[in-house]
Protein backbone atom coordinates (compact mmCIF):
# COMPACT_ATOMS: atom_id res chain seq x y z
CA MET A 1 41.89 0.25 -27.59
CA MET A 2 43.20 1.89 -24.40
CA ASP A 3 41.82 1.00 -21.00
CA LYS A 4 40.25 3.55 -18.67
CA ASN A 5 43.45 4.20 -16.68
CA SER A 6 45.49 4.84 -19.83
CA THR A 7 42.80 7.19 -21.19
CA SER A 8 42.66 9.12 -17.91
CA LEU A 9 46.46 9.39 -17.86
CA LEU A 10 46.47 10.75 -21.44
CA ASN A 11 43.77 13.29 -20.55
CA LEU A 12 45.79 14.37 -17.52
CA LEU A 13 48.89 14.87 -19.69
CA THR A 14 46.92 16.85 -22.29
CA ALA A 15 45.17 19.02 -19.68
CA GLY A 16 48.47 19.82 -17.95
CA ILE A 17 50.27 20.88 -21.14
CA LEU A 18 47.34 23.01 -22.36
CA ALA A 19 46.71 24.71 -18.98
CA ILE A 20 50.35 25.64 -18.28
CA THR A 21 50.89 26.82 -21.87
CA ALA A 22 47.74 29.01 -21.78
CA GLN A 23 48.79 30.67 -18.52
CA SER A 24 52.31 31.28 -19.83
CA PHE A 25 50.84 33.01 -22.93
CA LEU A 26 49.02 35.47 -20.65
CA LEU A 27 51.40 36.00 -17.73
CA ILE A 28 54.94 35.47 -19.13
CA PRO A 29 54.65 35.86 -22.91
CA HIS A 30 58.33 36.81 -23.19
CA ARG A 31 59.21 33.20 -22.27
CA GLN A 32 57.09 31.99 -25.17
CA GLU A 33 58.52 34.44 -27.68
CA ALA A 34 59.44 31.65 -30.10
CA LEU A 35 55.78 30.64 -30.39
CA LEU A 36 54.10 34.06 -30.10
CA LYS A 37 56.40 36.10 -32.30
CA SER A 38 54.55 38.66 -34.46
CA LEU A 39 51.11 37.58 -33.17
CA PRO A 40 48.69 40.39 -32.19
CA ILE A 41 47.68 40.65 -28.56
CA SER A 42 44.03 39.80 -29.34
CA THR A 43 45.10 36.56 -31.00
CA ILE A 44 47.26 35.62 -28.01
CA ILE A 45 44.34 36.21 -25.62
CA ALA A 46 41.99 34.17 -27.82
CA LEU A 47 44.52 31.33 -28.06
CA ALA A 48 45.05 31.32 -24.29
CA ALA A 49 41.30 31.30 -23.61
CA PHE A 50 40.71 28.40 -26.03
CA LEU A 51 43.61 26.35 -24.61
CA LEU A 52 42.38 27.00 -21.07
CA ILE A 53 38.82 25.85 -21.88
CA ALA A 54 40.16 22.74 -23.64
CA SER A 55 42.33 21.94 -20.61
CA TYR A 56 39.37 22.26 -18.22
CA LEU A 57 37.27 19.94 -20.37
CA SER A 58 40.06 17.41 -20.77
CA PHE A 59 40.64 17.46 -17.02
CA SER A 60 36.90 16.98 -16.34
CA THR A 61 36.83 13.67 -18.23
CA ILE A 62 38.85 12.16 -15.39
CA PHE A 63 36.17 13.02 -12.80
CA TYR A 64 32.83 12.82 -14.59
CA ASN A 65 31.18 9.74 -16.07
CA ARG A 66 29.15 11.43 -18.81
CA SER A 67 27.76 10.36 -22.18
CA ASN A 68 29.93 9.13 -25.05
CA ARG A 69 28.89 12.13 -27.16
CA TRP A 70 30.14 14.54 -24.52
CA ARG A 71 33.44 12.64 -24.35
CA GLN A 72 33.76 12.73 -28.13
CA VAL A 73 33.24 16.51 -28.20
CA THR A 74 35.77 16.98 -25.41
CA SER A 75 38.33 14.79 -27.19
CA LEU A 76 37.77 16.74 -30.42
CA LEU A 77 38.44 20.06 -28.65
CA SER A 78 41.59 18.63 -27.00
CA ILE A 79 42.87 17.38 -30.38
CA LEU A 80 42.13 20.77 -31.95
CA ALA A 81 44.01 22.57 -29.14
CA ILE A 82 47.02 20.24 -29.53
CA GLY A 83 46.84 20.81 -33.29
CA ILE A 84 46.99 24.60 -32.79
CA LEU A 85 50.05 24.17 -30.57
CA ALA A 86 51.64 21.94 -33.21
CA ILE A 87 51.07 24.68 -35.80
CA LEU A 88 52.73 27.22 -33.51
CA TYR A 89 55.71 24.88 -32.99
CA ALA A 90 56.01 24.29 -36.75
CA ARG A 91 55.72 28.04 -37.39
CA ALA A 92 58.66 28.59 -35.01
CA SER A 93 60.66 25.85 -36.85
CA LEU A 94 60.95 23.81 -33.64
CA PHE A 95 60.22 20.63 -35.58
CA THR A 96 62.21 21.14 -38.76
CA ARG A 97 65.32 23.12 -37.84
CA PHE A 98 66.32 21.15 -34.79
CA LEU A 99 69.99 22.28 -34.61
CA ASP A 100 69.89 25.66 -36.36
CA ILE A 101 67.75 27.83 -34.06
CA PRO A 102 68.84 29.45 -30.76
CA THR A 103 66.07 27.71 -28.79
CA TYR A 104 67.93 24.37 -28.99
CA ALA A 105 71.40 25.88 -28.27
CA PRO A 106 71.64 24.48 -24.67
CA ILE A 107 71.27 20.91 -25.92
CA LEU A 108 73.99 20.90 -28.58
CA GLN A 109 76.86 19.92 -26.30
CA TRP A 110 74.82 17.01 -24.90
CA LYS A 111 73.34 15.78 -28.16
CA PHE A 112 75.54 12.68 -28.55
CA ALA A 113 75.03 11.39 -24.98
CA LEU A 114 71.26 12.04 -25.09
CA SER A 115 70.97 10.32 -28.46
CA ILE A 116 72.62 7.16 -27.09
CA ILE A 117 70.37 7.18 -24.01
CA PHE A 118 67.22 7.72 -26.13
CA LEU A 119 68.17 4.79 -28.39
CA LEU A 120 68.88 2.47 -25.46
CA THR A 121 65.66 3.27 -23.61
CA THR A 122 63.68 2.92 -26.84
CA GLY A 123 65.16 -0.53 -27.34
CA LEU A 124 64.28 -1.47 -23.77
CA GLY A 125 60.72 -0.24 -24.29
CA ILE A 126 60.32 -2.35 -27.44
CA TYR A 127 61.73 -5.39 -25.61
CA ALA A 128 59.31 -4.88 -22.70
CA PHE A 129 56.39 -4.47 -25.11
CA PHE A 130 57.00 -7.83 -26.76
CA ARG A 131 57.71 -9.60 -23.46
CA ARG A 132 54.38 -8.29 -22.05
CA SER A 133 55.60 -8.65 -18.47
CA ALA A 134 53.97 -6.34 -15.91
CA SER A 135 56.88 -6.54 -13.46
CA LEU A 136 59.38 -5.83 -16.26
CA ASN A 137 57.36 -2.85 -17.47
CA LYS A 138 57.36 -1.31 -14.00
CA SER A 139 61.10 -1.68 -13.62
CA LEU A 140 61.78 -0.16 -17.07
CA VAL A 141 59.54 2.89 -16.59
CA SER A 142 62.13 4.65 -14.46
CA LEU A 143 64.79 3.96 -17.10
CA ILE A 144 62.68 5.17 -20.03
CA VAL A 145 62.05 8.59 -18.46
CA LEU A 146 65.74 9.20 -17.73
CA PRO A 147 66.57 10.95 -21.05
CA TRP A 148 63.46 13.11 -20.76
CA LEU A 149 64.45 14.14 -17.24
CA GLY A 150 67.92 15.02 -18.54
CA TRP A 151 66.35 17.02 -21.38
CA THR A 152 64.18 18.88 -18.83
CA LEU A 153 67.11 19.74 -16.57
CA ILE A 154 69.13 21.12 -19.49
CA PHE A 155 66.35 23.46 -20.67
CA ALA A 156 65.34 24.42 -17.11
CA TYR A 157 68.54 26.45 -16.86
CA SER A 158 67.59 28.58 -19.89
CA ALA A 159 63.86 28.64 -18.94
CA SER A 160 62.81 27.91 -22.52
CA LEU A 161 59.11 27.18 -21.95
CA PRO A 162 58.22 25.91 -25.47
CA ILE A 163 60.57 22.98 -24.83
CA LEU A 164 60.34 22.78 -21.05
CA ILE A 165 56.53 22.45 -20.59
CA PRO A 166 56.00 19.34 -22.79
CA THR A 167 59.11 17.56 -21.52
CA ILE A 168 58.18 18.12 -17.87
CA PHE A 169 54.78 16.45 -18.32
CA ILE A 170 56.19 13.68 -20.52
CA SER A 171 58.75 12.93 -17.79
CA ILE A 172 56.35 12.99 -14.84
CA THR A 173 53.33 11.21 -16.37
CA PRO A 174 54.85 7.67 -16.57
CA LEU A 175 56.14 7.97 -13.01
CA ILE A 176 52.71 8.78 -11.55
CA SER A 177 50.76 6.33 -13.73
CA GLY A 178 50.50 3.77 -10.95
CA LEU A 179 50.04 6.24 -8.10
CA LEU A 180 46.74 7.94 -8.99
CA PRO A 181 43.56 5.89 -8.26
CA PHE A 182 41.60 6.99 -11.33
CA LYS A 183 38.68 4.67 -10.53
CA LYS A 184 38.13 6.42 -7.22
CA LEU A 185 38.29 9.85 -8.87
CA THR A 186 35.33 9.18 -11.17
CA LEU A 187 32.05 10.46 -9.69
CA PRO A 188 28.62 8.88 -10.27
CA ARG A 189 26.32 10.76 -12.61
CA ASN A 190 23.82 11.60 -9.87
CA ASP A 191 26.37 13.22 -7.54
CA ILE A 192 25.13 16.82 -7.33
CA PHE A 193 27.86 18.30 -5.16
CA GLY A 194 30.82 16.64 -6.87
CA HIS A 195 29.74 17.85 -10.30
CA ARG A 196 29.95 21.45 -9.11
CA VAL A 197 33.41 21.38 -7.55
CA LEU A 198 35.53 21.46 -10.72
CA PRO A 199 33.40 24.08 -12.58
CA THR A 200 33.41 26.28 -9.49
CA LEU A 201 37.17 26.09 -9.00
CA SER A 202 37.75 26.53 -12.73
CA LEU A 203 35.69 29.72 -12.77
CA ILE A 204 37.51 31.08 -9.71
CA HIS A 205 40.84 30.29 -11.35
CA THR A 206 39.74 32.05 -14.54
CA LEU A 207 38.68 35.17 -12.62
CA ILE A 208 42.00 35.32 -10.77
CA LEU A 209 43.94 34.74 -13.99
CA THR A 210 41.98 37.55 -15.67
CA LEU A 211 42.79 39.91 -12.80
CA PHE A 212 46.50 39.06 -12.96
CA TYR A 213 46.57 39.63 -16.71
CA LEU A 214 44.89 43.02 -16.41
CA LEU A 215 47.21 44.09 -13.60
CA LEU A 216 50.31 43.05 -15.57
CA ASN A 217 49.36 44.38 -19.00
CA THR A 218 47.31 47.54 -18.38
CA ASN A 219 49.04 50.93 -18.12
CA ILE A 220 46.77 52.65 -15.64
CA SER A 221 47.21 54.83 -12.61
CA PRO A 222 47.67 53.37 -9.11
CA SER A 223 44.14 54.40 -8.12
CA ALA A 224 42.78 52.50 -11.09
CA TYR A 225 44.49 49.37 -9.78
CA HIS A 226 42.43 49.69 -6.61
CA GLU A 227 39.24 50.05 -8.61
CA LEU A 228 40.12 47.01 -10.68
CA VAL A 229 40.77 44.93 -7.60
CA PHE A 230 37.50 46.22 -6.10
CA ILE A 231 35.54 45.12 -9.16
CA PHE A 232 37.21 41.72 -9.02
CA SER A 233 36.34 41.41 -5.32
CA ILE A 234 32.69 42.20 -6.01
CA SER A 235 32.57 39.65 -8.84
CA LEU A 236 34.16 37.01 -6.65
CA MET A 237 31.72 37.79 -3.82
CA ALA A 238 28.76 37.46 -6.19
CA PHE A 239 30.02 34.13 -7.40
CA ILE A 240 30.51 32.88 -3.83
CA ALA A 241 27.00 34.06 -2.95
CA TYR A 242 25.63 32.14 -5.92
CA GLY A 243 27.47 29.01 -4.76
CA VAL A 244 26.18 29.37 -1.20
CA ILE A 245 22.58 29.91 -2.39
CA THR A 246 22.81 26.87 -4.66
CA LEU A 247 24.26 24.68 -1.91
CA HIS A 248 21.67 25.76 0.69
CA ILE A 249 18.75 25.19 -1.66
CA ILE A 250 20.03 21.70 -2.49
CA ILE A 251 20.46 20.90 1.22
CA HIS A 252 17.00 22.28 1.99
CA ASP A 253 15.38 20.17 -0.73
CA LEU A 254 17.24 17.08 0.44
CA THR A 255 16.09 17.52 4.05
CA THR A 256 12.50 18.75 3.50
CA GLY A 257 11.61 17.32 0.09
CA SER A 258 10.45 20.65 -1.39
CA SER A 259 11.94 24.04 -2.03
CA THR A 260 8.80 26.23 -1.88
CA SER A 261 5.57 26.35 0.08
CA GLN A 262 2.05 26.60 -1.26
CA ASN A 263 1.45 29.94 0.46
CA GLU A 264 4.50 31.67 -0.93
CA THR A 265 4.27 35.38 -1.74
CA LYS A 266 4.60 36.95 -5.15
CA LEU A 267 8.13 38.07 -4.31
CA ASP A 268 9.06 34.54 -3.24
CA SER A 269 7.64 33.21 -6.49
CA ARG A 270 9.76 35.55 -8.57
CA PHE A 271 12.84 34.74 -6.54
CA SER A 272 12.27 30.99 -6.90
CA LYS A 273 11.93 31.43 -10.69
CA PHE A 274 15.21 33.33 -10.71
CA ILE A 275 16.87 30.61 -8.66
CA GLU A 276 15.40 27.99 -10.97
CA LEU A 277 17.03 29.80 -13.88
CA LEU A 278 20.38 29.88 -12.07
CA LEU A 279 20.25 26.29 -10.94
CA GLY A 280 19.33 24.88 -14.35
CA ASP A 281 18.87 21.12 -14.06
CA THR A 282 19.56 20.97 -10.31
CA ARG A 283 16.07 19.70 -9.59
CA ASN A 284 16.47 16.83 -12.04
CA LEU A 285 19.83 16.01 -10.50
CA LEU A 286 18.24 16.29 -7.06
CA THR A 287 15.53 13.81 -8.03
CA GLU A 288 18.15 11.38 -9.35
CA GLU A 289 20.20 11.83 -6.18
CA ALA A 290 17.16 11.19 -3.98
CA GLN A 291 16.22 8.10 -5.99
CA TRP A 292 19.78 6.80 -5.83
CA GLN A 293 19.94 7.37 -2.08
CA ALA A 294 16.53 5.70 -1.62
CA LYS A 295 17.65 2.62 -3.57
CA LYS A 296 20.86 2.51 -1.55
CA ILE A 297 18.90 2.70 1.70
CA GLN A 298 16.58 -0.07 0.49
CA ARG A 299 19.54 -2.28 -0.38
CA LEU A 300 21.15 -1.65 3.00
CA SER A 301 17.85 -2.27 4.82
CA LYS A 302 17.33 -5.50 2.92
CA LYS A 303 20.87 -6.59 3.71
CA LEU A 304 20.42 -5.67 7.37
CA LYS A 305 17.18 -7.67 7.58
CA GLU A 306 18.87 -10.65 5.95
CA GLU A 307 21.80 -10.46 8.39
CA LYS A 308 19.36 -10.24 11.28
CA ARG A 309 17.47 -13.21 9.91
CA ASN A 310 20.71 -15.20 9.56
CA ALA A 311 21.61 -14.39 13.16
CA GLU A 312 18.19 -15.64 14.27
CA ARG A 313 18.69 -18.84 12.26
CA PHE A 314 22.07 -19.51 13.87
CA ALA A 315 20.60 -18.82 17.30
CA LEU A 316 17.74 -21.23 16.60
CA ILE A 317 20.07 -24.02 15.49
CA ASP A 318 22.33 -23.49 18.52
CA LYS A 319 19.35 -23.53 20.89
CA LEU A 320 17.94 -26.71 19.35
CA ARG A 321 21.34 -28.42 19.43
CA LYS A 322 21.70 -27.72 23.15
CA GLN A 323 18.17 -28.95 23.89
CA LEU A 324 18.64 -32.12 21.85
CA GLU A 325 21.85 -32.92 23.73
CA ASP A 326 19.75 -33.94 26.75
CA GLN A 327 19.30 -37.50 25.31
CA LEU A 328 15.55 -37.12 24.80
CA ASP A 329 13.41 -39.97 23.49
CA GLU A 330 12.59 -39.86 19.79
CA PRO A 331 8.96 -38.65 20.20
CA VAL A 332 10.01 -35.97 22.69
CA ALA A 333 12.86 -34.71 20.48
CA ALA A 334 10.56 -34.68 17.44
CA GLN A 335 7.87 -32.71 19.29
CA LEU A 336 10.48 -30.21 20.48
CA VAL A 337 11.62 -29.64 16.88
CA VAL A 338 8.13 -29.19 15.40
CA ASN A 339 7.12 -26.78 18.17
CA THR A 340 10.24 -24.67 17.59
CA LEU A 341 9.79 -24.59 13.81
CA GLN A 342 6.10 -23.72 14.06
CA HIS A 343 6.89 -20.81 16.36
CA THR A 344 9.74 -19.62 14.10
CA PHE A 345 7.89 -19.74 10.77
CA ASN A 346 4.30 -19.32 12.05
CA ALA A 347 3.40 -22.26 9.83
CA GLY A 348 -0.04 -23.80 9.63
CA LEU A 349 1.34 -27.31 10.05
CA VAL A 350 4.70 -28.82 10.98
CA ALA A 351 4.97 -32.60 11.27
CA ILE A 352 7.56 -35.35 11.55
CA LEU A 353 6.77 -38.81 10.22
CA THR A 354 8.96 -41.87 10.83
CA TYR A 355 9.60 -44.59 8.26
CA ASP A 356 8.25 -48.10 8.79
CA ALA A 357 10.45 -50.17 6.48
CA GLU A 358 8.47 -53.38 6.86
CA GLN A 359 5.16 -51.78 5.92
CA GLN A 360 6.72 -49.18 3.56
CA ASP A 361 4.76 -46.50 5.39
CA LEU A 362 5.36 -43.05 6.87
CA VAL A 363 3.84 -42.76 10.35
CA VAL A 364 3.11 -39.49 12.15
CA LEU A 365 5.34 -39.10 15.21
CA ALA A 366 4.89 -35.42 16.17
CA SER A 367 2.98 -32.39 14.84
CA ALA A 368 2.35 -28.73 15.64
CA GLY A 369 0.31 -25.84 14.24
CA LYS A 370 -3.31 -24.78 14.11
CA MET A 371 -4.08 -27.49 11.49
CA ARG A 372 -2.58 -30.37 13.46
CA SER A 373 -6.04 -31.52 14.57
CA SER A 374 -6.82 -32.39 10.94
CA ILE A 375 -4.26 -35.24 11.02
CA PRO A 376 -5.86 -38.49 12.22
CA THR A 377 -4.27 -40.25 15.18
CA GLY A 378 -1.69 -42.79 13.98
CA TYR A 379 -1.93 -41.53 10.41
CA ARG A 380 0.00 -43.60 7.88
CA GLN A 381 0.90 -42.88 4.30
CA LYS A 382 2.54 -45.13 1.73
CA ILE A 383 5.89 -43.88 0.43
CA SER A 384 4.56 -44.44 -3.07
CA GLU A 385 2.03 -41.62 -2.62
CA GLY A 386 2.08 -37.85 -2.41
CA ALA A 387 4.84 -35.31 -1.92
CA LEU A 388 5.90 -37.00 1.32
CA GLY A 389 6.45 -40.27 -0.51
CA ARG A 390 8.35 -38.50 -3.30
CA ALA A 391 10.77 -37.01 -0.77
CA ALA A 392 11.18 -40.42 0.90
CA ARG A 393 11.83 -42.22 -2.38
CA SER A 394 14.19 -39.63 -3.89
CA ARG A 395 16.00 -38.87 -0.61
CA LYS A 396 15.89 -35.19 -1.65
CA THR A 397 14.15 -32.12 -0.28
CA GLN A 398 10.87 -31.37 -2.07
CA VAL A 399 9.90 -27.69 -2.37
CA ILE A 400 6.32 -27.00 -3.49
CA HIS A 401 5.72 -23.27 -3.91
CA ASP A 402 2.10 -23.83 -4.97
CA THR A 403 0.52 -27.15 -4.06
CA ARG A 404 -2.30 -26.56 -6.57
CA LEU A 405 0.21 -27.05 -9.37
CA ASP A 406 1.78 -30.25 -8.01
CA ASN A 407 0.32 -33.46 -9.45
CA ASP A 408 1.51 -35.66 -6.55
CA TYR A 409 0.19 -33.45 -3.78
CA PHE A 410 -3.06 -34.29 -2.02
CA ASP A 411 -4.69 -32.65 0.99
CA LEU A 412 -6.14 -34.43 3.98
CA GLN A 413 -9.68 -33.51 4.90
CA GLY A 414 -9.69 -30.18 6.73
CA LEU A 415 -6.23 -29.13 5.52
CA THR A 416 -5.72 -26.14 3.24
CA ILE A 417 -2.01 -25.89 2.47
CA LEU A 418 -0.80 -23.82 -0.49
CA SER A 419 2.95 -24.30 -0.09
CA GLU A 420 4.95 -27.09 1.50
CA VAL A 421 8.54 -28.19 2.03
CA VAL A 422 9.36 -31.83 2.75
CA VAL A 423 12.84 -32.71 4.05
CA PRO A 424 13.88 -36.39 4.26
CA LEU A 425 15.48 -37.47 7.53
CA LEU A 426 18.54 -39.48 6.50
CA HIS A 427 21.33 -41.23 8.35
CA TYR A 428 24.16 -42.25 6.02
CA GLY A 429 21.67 -42.57 3.19
CA HIS A 430 19.17 -44.64 5.20
CA LEU A 431 15.69 -43.15 5.51
CA ARG A 432 14.54 -42.43 9.06
CA GLY A 433 11.51 -40.33 8.22
CA VAL A 434 10.47 -36.94 6.80
CA LEU A 435 10.02 -33.43 8.15
CA THR A 436 7.23 -31.43 6.51
CA ILE A 437 6.19 -27.82 6.97
CA GLY A 438 3.10 -26.38 5.28
CA ASN A 439 1.74 -22.85 4.97
CA GLN A 440 -1.54 -21.30 3.90
CA LYS A 441 0.13 -18.95 1.41
CA THR A 442 2.23 -19.64 -1.68
CA ASN A 443 6.02 -19.18 -1.78
CA ALA A 444 6.10 -18.99 2.00
CA LEU A 445 9.72 -20.05 2.53
CA SER A 446 12.95 -18.69 1.05
CA ALA A 447 16.05 -20.63 0.01
CA ALA A 448 17.71 -19.67 3.31
CA ASP A 449 14.68 -21.01 5.23
CA ILE A 450 14.92 -24.33 3.37
CA THR A 451 18.63 -24.57 4.24
CA LEU A 452 17.68 -23.99 7.88
CA LEU A 453 15.11 -26.80 7.75
CA GLU A 454 17.69 -29.19 6.29
CA THR A 455 20.14 -28.26 9.06
CA VAL A 456 17.49 -28.84 11.73
CA ALA A 457 16.68 -32.21 10.15
CA LYS A 458 20.33 -33.26 10.41
CA GLU A 459 20.49 -32.16 14.05
CA LEU A 460 17.34 -34.18 14.86
CA VAL A 461 18.69 -37.34 13.17
CA ASN A 462 22.01 -36.97 15.01
CA ALA A 463 20.14 -36.63 18.31
CA TRP A 464 18.07 -39.72 17.49
CA GLU A 465 21.17 -41.72 16.66
CA GLN A 466 22.93 -40.67 19.84
CA THR A 467 19.89 -41.54 21.95
CA GLY A 468 19.44 -44.84 20.08
CA HIS A 469 23.08 -45.70 20.55
CA ASN A 470 22.83 -45.21 24.30
CA GLN A 471 19.62 -47.21 24.44
CA ARG A 472 21.13 -50.06 22.40
CA LEU A 473 24.18 -50.05 24.64
CA THR A 474 21.93 -50.35 27.69
CA THR A 475 20.00 -53.16 26.04
CA LEU A 476 23.24 -54.95 25.18
CA ILE A 477 24.48 -54.76 28.76
CA GLN A 478 21.17 -56.02 30.14
CA GLY A 479 21.08 -58.80 27.55
CA SER A 480 24.60 -59.95 28.42
CA VAL A 481 23.53 -60.25 32.06
CA SER A 482 20.51 -62.31 31.02
CA LEU A 483 22.65 -64.61 28.84
CA SER A 484 25.16 -65.23 31.60
CA THR A 485 22.44 -66.68 33.83
CA SER A 486 20.68 -68.73 31.12
CA LEU A 487 21.25 -72.51 31.21
CA GLU A 488 19.02 -73.46 28.27
CA PRO A 489 20.88 -73.29 24.86
CA GLN A 490 17.72 -72.68 22.81
CA ALA A 491 16.63 -69.84 25.06
CA ALA A 492 20.14 -68.36 24.88
CA ILE A 493 20.27 -68.50 21.08
CA GLN A 494 16.80 -66.93 20.89
CA GLU A 495 17.90 -64.15 23.23
CA ILE A 496 20.96 -63.53 21.06
CA ALA A 497 18.80 -63.14 17.92
CA ILE A 498 16.43 -60.68 19.59
CA LEU A 499 19.31 -58.76 21.18
CA ALA A 500 21.19 -58.49 17.86
CA LYS A 501 18.07 -57.26 16.05
CA GLU A 502 17.45 -54.51 18.60
CA THR A 503 21.08 -53.50 18.98
CA LEU A 504 21.92 -53.39 15.27
CA GLN A 505 18.44 -52.18 14.22
CA ALA A 506 18.32 -55.04 11.76
CA ARG A 507 15.32 -56.16 9.73
CA PHE A 508 16.10 -59.86 10.19
CA VAL A 509 18.54 -61.86 12.32
CA PHE A 510 19.40 -65.55 11.96
CA ALA A 511 21.37 -67.28 14.73
CA THR A 512 22.48 -70.92 14.87
CA LEU A 513 24.73 -73.30 16.79
CA LEU A 514 26.73 -75.89 14.84
CA ASP A 515 28.40 -79.06 16.10
CA GLN A 516 31.85 -80.27 15.02
CA ASP A 517 30.42 -81.94 11.92
CA GLY A 518 28.74 -78.72 10.78
CA ALA A 519 25.19 -79.80 11.58
CA PHE A 520 22.71 -77.31 13.08
CA THR A 521 22.00 -78.09 16.72
CA ARG A 522 20.08 -74.95 17.62
CA VAL A 523 18.41 -72.40 15.28
CA SER A 524 16.62 -69.16 16.07
CA HIS A 525 15.65 -65.96 14.26
CA ALA A 526 14.09 -62.54 14.81
CA GLY A 527 12.14 -60.67 12.16
CA ASP A 528 9.96 -61.71 9.22
CA ALA A 529 11.78 -63.02 6.11
CA PRO A 530 10.57 -66.54 5.19
CA ASN A 531 12.56 -66.88 1.97
CA LEU A 532 15.83 -65.80 3.55
CA LEU A 533 15.15 -68.02 6.57
CA HIS A 534 14.56 -71.02 4.30
CA TYR A 535 17.86 -70.46 2.48
CA LEU A 536 19.91 -69.98 5.66
CA SER A 537 18.38 -73.01 7.36
CA ARG A 538 19.76 -75.44 4.75
CA ASP A 539 22.68 -77.62 5.89
CA LEU A 540 26.22 -76.52 5.18
CA THR A 541 26.68 -78.82 2.20
CA ASN A 542 24.06 -76.83 0.31
CA ASN A 543 24.84 -73.44 1.86
CA ARG A 544 27.95 -71.95 0.26
CA LEU A 545 27.32 -68.57 1.90
CA LEU A 546 27.70 -69.95 5.43
CA GLN A 547 30.59 -72.14 4.33
CA THR A 548 32.45 -69.02 3.17
CA ALA A 549 31.72 -67.24 6.47
CA LEU A 550 32.93 -70.14 8.62
CA HIS A 551 36.26 -70.26 6.82
CA THR A 552 37.04 -66.64 7.82
CA SER A 553 38.08 -65.36 11.21
CA LYS A 554 36.52 -61.94 10.66
CA PRO A 555 32.92 -60.81 10.09
CA LEU A 556 31.81 -61.06 6.47
CA ARG A 557 29.92 -58.06 5.12
CA ILE A 558 27.92 -58.36 1.89
CA ARG A 559 26.68 -55.03 0.54
CA ASP A 560 24.39 -56.58 -2.09
CA ILE A 561 23.53 -60.25 -1.77
CA HIS A 562 22.21 -60.38 -5.35
CA LYS A 563 25.71 -59.66 -6.61
CA HIS A 564 27.55 -62.12 -4.35
CA LYS A 565 29.03 -65.14 -6.10
CA ASN A 566 28.01 -67.62 -3.40
CA SER A 567 24.30 -66.76 -3.25
CA PRO A 568 22.83 -66.76 -6.76
CA SER A 569 19.63 -68.63 -5.84
CA ILE A 570 18.38 -66.45 -2.96
CA VAL A 571 14.95 -64.83 -3.44
CA LEU A 572 14.64 -61.98 -0.97
CA ASP A 573 11.41 -61.06 0.74
CA GLN A 574 12.27 -57.32 0.66
CA ASN A 575 14.89 -55.14 -1.01
CA THR A 576 15.88 -53.87 2.44
CA LEU A 577 17.42 -57.31 3.15
CA ARG A 578 20.07 -57.07 0.43
CA ASN A 579 22.80 -56.01 2.88
CA LEU A 580 24.05 -58.86 5.10
CA LEU A 581 26.53 -59.16 7.97
CA ILE A 582 27.69 -62.68 8.97
CA VAL A 583 29.66 -62.95 12.24
CA PRO A 584 31.24 -66.39 12.90
CA HIS A 585 32.13 -67.29 16.47
CA LEU A 586 34.59 -70.18 16.72
CA PHE A 587 35.41 -71.92 20.00
């Protein structure tokens, strides 16, 4: 089955052959004597008219995207017209007596050379077909048309149209196959103006062709020629007036939405009925055009609103990023974020809750919105409960379009939230808290809004980490000053444990001093982990974990203590203590 470009190219070839042949039958019949010999003038006119109509229809299939039935009828008429031409060629013996009739006399002295060229190019075409190479096909096109161009030049000298017309189009068509943008030539079905261009030009061409035929084939007086031209001029003027009236009515209906008023006169009513008869289905086409334009405007408006919304989102993120760069404390940065989000989305409640790992709770840090007063001061919620807990446990954003349908969701007293989005605040997979935004209507936030919330959450966590880093650095510097002035070993080791816990944000820190024999001389800790403390406080002979650390010159990191070969008997107080870092200091 041929693709659309190949079909359009074939229709163009057919339309060209039929149109030029029809005009030659009417205007220069002596050049088509081989085909028209002994045919009556009425038959010649009828043949020319039929070929001309078939050419117009075949040409229109390139421009108009109509129904399959219409295309089938058009193809049938084109095949019938080509069949009639084939009968005329067979009647003139142009197929059977190739070398015996005068029409082919100019080619006889070139027959051997042309035969060789035809055979070679045919072989090349077969080779290119089986290779199926696009680049090879393009390079061979110019070679394949060479014999046809030679054939055309030979018959151009004798002006033998029965041979010249087909060969000209067969020669040119392959060369222009890649030049015409057929996809851009096809008009949409609801294009009112475009669908009238080809019929209008075809009718004008037919009128001019009719005038030329009458002038060339009618034996009348010179004055009668003037009258004939006058009649043609009046007919052409009437047709132009019809086109102008049609165009103006269409433009008027497009700009005003109606073509008649309610208070029109009887004469206006009759005229509008006459115009309705002339215009046919223009009103239906006009309605389709208006609907198509309205849908296009809606799509563009929707796209424009979305682009504007995206620009606002980028501006919001950039503004927040600049404000958070001021090294604000965690509560201040959180309050800044919730205030900005509440103003942007007009949400009923926006809140940020931090994660208390020791208590496994989410604690309110900042909130905004008209329902913020419904949240108790210092409100805590277990991460095993509700939509907030689900987001904290799964480390994934939770989108609830209708909270009434969510089994985990529960409202606080005084809160009426119908849709909610909960975004976990993560830093390298570690939970820092959650950001929640609730609304009093369902499906309040779009996918783009959720992406914005996730981006804001990342910016807030980054700001917290940067602020925390600077604070820990300050604490470390102050602690080093305190250690340098301390003379009591136990106080120093206790200060080291506290300082390490704050600086590294650790859950538990164990610090010890060992003598040369490996016995503990000073022990201190920070944090609550009795089981881990009991294991680490054992002497080195029973503590393979510390033995391993002391035999290395670099810090020992254990990602999961349960899986470490030297600590099979440890019972942890919490799962958050599974990751250990042991730093030996030898002196």
